[in-house]
């Protein structure tokens, strides 16, 4: 006859014996706390991984938008600073993302270094929900405005959908540059290379007019 042994008849392993002896000693509250800690750690690890993936994708998307602008001005994109810098028609040209005053929203600046001294000025265009036409104003000396001789309604068309956009042109004598500033509607609301070059050409023409206006008696200023 073949003897049949039940599991209880076998020799127990040492850890089975240890578990039987210590089963009643495990604190259920401690076990629950350990389990919760494990869950929290797994959640943190998952969150960190997702954040890293999203950050990498955001940088890849930003590079895809900035690289064509950098190529248009023979410059290089800086992903960390969200800007490109190069030269347009021999002048230092910059395109960059910046935080709006107060941290509400973002702006995209197109800048061309064109120092002319003199007085600063700013022309802005703001849409108004209560009227069909945007509110457009010039801040600066009235006589200077006349000397500029710029048809701002015409140059504004270099901004796509200009009548619905919040943007403006300005001259900053301290920084020595002319600038186009536009409110970004989304994180990647960056112009394409063709629009970017058209905006730089507009700034170049504005810079010439500004030099004439700032030095009306200097006939050599714009030659």
Protein backbone atom coordinates (compact mmCIF):
# COMPACT_ATOMS: atom_id res chain seq x y z
CA UNK A 1 0.00 0.00 0.00
CA UNK A 2 1.19 3.48 -0.88
CA UNK A 3 1.03 5.87 2.01
CA UNK A 4 -0.76 9.11 1.28
CA UNK A 5 0.46 12.17 3.18
CA UNK A 6 -1.69 15.19 3.69
CA UNK A 7 0.02 18.61 3.45
CA UNK A 8 -0.16 18.87 7.20
CA UNK A 9 1.89 15.71 7.52
CA UNK A 10 4.86 17.21 5.69
CA UNK A 11 7.75 18.92 7.34
CA UNK A 12 7.03 22.67 7.31
CA UNK A 13 9.51 25.11 5.85
CA UNK A 14 11.10 27.47 8.35
CA UNK A 15 9.36 30.58 7.02
CA UNK A 16 5.94 28.88 7.23
CA UNK A 17 6.61 28.13 10.87
CA UNK A 18 7.76 31.72 11.42
CA UNK A 19 4.59 33.09 9.79
CA UNK A 20 2.41 30.92 11.98
CA UNK A 21 4.16 32.06 15.10
CA UNK A 22 4.12 35.75 14.17
CA UNK A 23 0.78 36.02 12.43
CA UNK A 24 -0.92 37.37 15.46
CA UNK A 25 1.89 39.78 16.18
CA UNK A 26 1.39 41.86 12.95
CA UNK A 27 -0.31 45.16 13.77
CA UNK A 28 -3.12 45.73 11.23
CA UNK A 29 -2.71 49.51 11.49
CA UNK A 30 0.99 49.22 10.69
CA UNK A 31 0.23 46.98 7.73
CA UNK A 32 -2.30 49.50 6.42
CA UNK A 33 0.18 52.38 6.85
CA UNK A 34 2.88 50.47 4.97
CA UNK A 35 0.45 49.73 2.15
CA UNK A 36 -0.61 53.39 1.94
CA UNK A 37 3.04 54.51 1.84
CA UNK A 38 3.69 52.10 -1.00
CA UNK A 39 0.70 53.50 -2.91
CA UNK A 40 1.88 57.09 -2.37
CA UNK A 41 5.40 56.27 -3.54
CA UNK A 42 4.07 54.59 -6.67
CA UNK A 43 1.83 57.60 -7.36
CA UNK A 44 4.72 60.03 -6.95
CA UNK A 45 6.90 57.97 -9.26
CA UNK A 46 4.14 57.88 -11.88
CA UNK A 47 3.55 61.62 -11.60
CA UNK A 48 7.27 62.37 -11.96
CA UNK A 49 7.46 60.18 -15.04
CA UNK A 50 4.46 61.87 -16.68
CA UNK A 51 5.88 65.32 -15.88
CA UNK A 52 9.19 64.39 -17.48
CA UNK A 53 7.44 63.08 -20.60
CA UNK A 54 5.27 66.20 -20.90
CA UNK A 55 8.26 68.50 -20.40
CA UNK A 56 10.22 66.69 -23.09
CA UNK A 57 7.31 66.91 -25.52
CA UNK A 58 6.83 70.61 -24.76
CA UNK A 59 10.48 71.29 -25.57
CA UNK A 60 10.24 69.29 -28.78
CA UNK A 61 7.13 71.26 -29.82
CA UNK A 62 8.83 74.57 -28.99
CA UNK A 63 11.95 73.60 -30.95
CA UNK A 64 9.80 72.71 -33.96
CA UNK A 65 8.37 76.26 -33.88
CA UNK A 66 11.61 78.14 -33.18
CA UNK A 67 13.98 76.28 -35.49
CA UNK A 68 12.49 77.74 -38.72
CA UNK A 69 12.71 81.27 -37.26
CA UNK A 70 16.36 80.73 -36.34
CA UNK A 71 17.08 79.47 -39.85
CA UNK A 72 15.42 82.58 -41.33
CA UNK A 73 17.95 84.86 -39.59
CA UNK A 74 20.96 82.51 -39.63
CA UNK A 75 20.73 82.20 -35.88
CA UNK A 76 20.26 79.53 -33.25
CA UNK A 77 17.23 78.60 -31.14
CA UNK A 78 17.47 78.68 -27.35
CA UNK A 79 14.82 76.34 -25.98
CA UNK A 80 15.42 77.15 -22.31
CA UNK A 81 14.95 80.89 -22.96
CA UNK A 82 12.34 80.36 -25.72
CA UNK A 83 14.11 82.73 -28.11
CA UNK A 84 16.05 82.96 -31.35
CA UNK A 85 18.73 85.49 -32.23
CA UNK A 86 20.51 86.20 -35.48
CA UNK A 87 20.78 88.94 -38.09
CA UNK A 88 18.40 90.47 -40.57
CA UNK A 89 19.80 92.80 -43.21
CA UNK A 90 22.93 93.18 -41.08
CA UNK A 91 21.05 94.14 -37.90
CA UNK A 92 20.66 92.03 -34.76
CA UNK A 93 17.24 90.37 -34.89
CA UNK A 94 15.48 88.61 -32.03
CA UNK A 95 12.29 86.62 -31.61
CA UNK A 96 11.33 85.60 -28.09
CA UNK A 97 8.55 84.54 -25.76
CA UNK A 98 8.06 86.67 -22.64
CA UNK A 99 5.65 86.79 -19.74
CA UNK A 100 3.07 89.54 -19.88
CA UNK A 101 3.20 92.24 -17.17
CA UNK A 102 1.78 90.82 -13.97
CA UNK A 103 2.36 87.28 -15.20
CA UNK A 104 -1.01 87.11 -16.98
CA UNK A 105 -0.46 85.37 -20.29
CA UNK A 106 2.50 85.45 -22.66
CA UNK A 107 3.80 87.78 -25.33
CA UNK A 108 5.85 87.20 -28.44
CA UNK A 109 8.42 89.90 -29.21
CA UNK A 110 10.00 90.49 -32.60
CA UNK A 111 12.90 92.90 -32.12
CA UNK A 112 15.40 94.65 -34.36
CA UNK A 113 18.32 96.55 -32.87
CA UNK A 114 18.18 100.06 -34.37
CA UNK A 115 19.49 102.69 -31.96
CA UNK A 116 18.58 106.25 -32.89
CA UNK A 117 18.54 108.04 -29.53
CA UNK A 118 15.78 110.57 -29.07
CA UNK A 119 12.33 109.88 -27.66
CA UNK A 120 10.47 106.65 -27.18
CA UNK A 121 7.01 106.03 -28.60
CA UNK A 122 4.43 103.26 -28.81
CA UNK A 123 1.52 102.47 -31.11
CA UNK A 124 -0.97 99.84 -29.97
CA UNK A 125 -4.01 98.02 -31.32
CA UNK A 126 -6.57 96.51 -28.95
CA UNK A 127 -9.80 94.78 -30.00
CA UNK A 128 -13.01 96.14 -28.50
CA UNK A 129 -16.01 93.83 -28.08
CA UNK A 130 -18.38 96.83 -28.12
CA UNK A 131 -17.29 98.09 -31.53
CA UNK A 132 -16.30 96.52 -34.85
CA UNK A 133 -12.99 98.35 -35.13
CA UNK A 134 -10.05 97.94 -32.74
CA UNK A 135 -8.90 100.80 -30.53
CA UNK A 136 -5.62 102.10 -31.91
CA UNK A 137 -3.58 104.73 -30.10
CA UNK A 138 -0.20 106.42 -30.31
CA UNK A 139 1.69 107.29 -27.14
CA UNK A 140 4.45 109.82 -27.58
CA UNK A 141 5.18 113.32 -28.81
CA UNK A 142 2.64 114.56 -31.36
CA UNK A 143 5.27 116.31 -33.47
CA UNK A 144 7.34 113.13 -33.51
CA UNK A 145 4.27 111.21 -34.67
CA UNK A 146 3.95 113.54 -37.62
CA UNK A 147 7.63 113.26 -38.49
CA UNK A 148 7.47 109.47 -38.41
CA UNK A 149 5.03 109.53 -41.31
CA UNK A 150 4.15 105.86 -40.75
CA UNK A 151 0.78 104.52 -41.85
CA UNK A 152 0.32 102.22 -38.87
CA UNK A 153 -2.96 100.84 -40.19
CA UNK A 154 -1.03 99.62 -43.21
CA UNK A 155 1.96 98.16 -41.34
CA UNK A 156 -0.45 96.48 -38.89
CA UNK A 157 -1.47 94.06 -41.63
CA UNK A 158 1.86 92.26 -41.15
CA UNK A 159 0.18 90.70 -38.11
CA UNK A 160 -2.22 87.93 -39.21
CA UNK A 161 -5.82 88.70 -38.26
CA UNK A 162 -4.62 92.09 -37.03
CA UNK A 163 -8.05 93.51 -36.24
CA UNK A 164 -8.69 90.78 -33.66
CA UNK A 165 -5.19 90.68 -32.17
CA UNK A 166 -3.69 92.56 -29.23
CA UNK A 167 -0.35 93.95 -30.41
CA UNK A 168 1.74 97.04 -30.89
CA UNK A 169 4.89 98.62 -32.30
CA UNK A 170 7.30 100.62 -30.18
CA UNK A 171 10.69 102.25 -30.13
CA UNK A 172 12.74 101.93 -26.92
CA UNK A 173 15.64 104.43 -26.93
CA UNK A 174 17.21 102.87 -23.82
CA UNK A 175 17.35 99.39 -25.38
CA UNK A 176 18.09 100.88 -28.80
CA UNK A 177 15.55 98.77 -30.67
CA UNK A 178 12.22 98.74 -32.45
CA UNK A 179 9.82 96.01 -31.41
CA UNK A 180 6.61 94.31 -32.39
CA UNK A 181 4.83 92.84 -29.37
CA UNK A 182 1.84 90.53 -29.75
CA UNK A 183 -0.23 88.68 -27.18
CA UNK A 184 0.01 84.91 -27.60
CA UNK A 185 -3.29 83.07 -27.75
CA UNK A 186 -1.74 79.71 -26.94
CA UNK A 187 1.55 78.24 -25.76
CA UNK A 188 2.75 77.69 -29.34
CA UNK A 189 1.28 80.84 -30.93
CA UNK A 190 4.57 81.65 -32.66
CA UNK A 191 4.72 83.03 -36.24
CA UNK A 192 5.96 80.92 -39.11
CA UNK A 193 9.25 81.79 -40.80
CA UNK A 194 7.64 83.74 -43.66
CA UNK A 195 5.58 85.90 -41.31
CA UNK A 196 8.60 86.39 -39.04
CA UNK A 197 10.73 87.72 -41.92
CA UNK A 198 7.89 89.98 -43.08
CA UNK A 199 7.62 91.42 -39.57
CA UNK A 200 11.37 92.01 -39.42
CA UNK A 201 11.20 93.82 -42.78
CA UNK A 202 8.41 95.99 -41.38
CA UNK A 203 10.53 96.79 -38.33
CA UNK A 204 13.46 97.66 -40.61
CA UNK A 205 11.30 100.21 -42.46
CA UNK A 206 9.95 101.55 -39.18
CA UNK A 207 13.54 101.90 -37.94
CA UNK A 208 14.48 103.97 -40.97
CA UNK A 209 11.49 106.25 -40.47
CA UNK A 210 12.30 106.52 -36.77
CA UNK A 211 15.89 107.60 -37.45
CA UNK A 212 14.67 110.32 -39.79
CA UNK A 213 12.10 111.47 -37.23
CA UNK A 214 14.56 111.48 -34.32
CA UNK A 215 17.18 113.42 -36.33
CA UNK A 216 15.16 115.65 -38.67
CA UNK A 217 18.12 117.93 -39.41
CA UNK A 218 20.62 115.12 -40.05
CA UNK A 219 20.28 114.25 -43.73
CA UNK A 220 22.92 111.53 -43.40
CA UNK A 221 21.11 109.56 -40.71
CA UNK A 222 19.41 107.14 -43.08
CA UNK A 223 21.80 106.88 -45.99
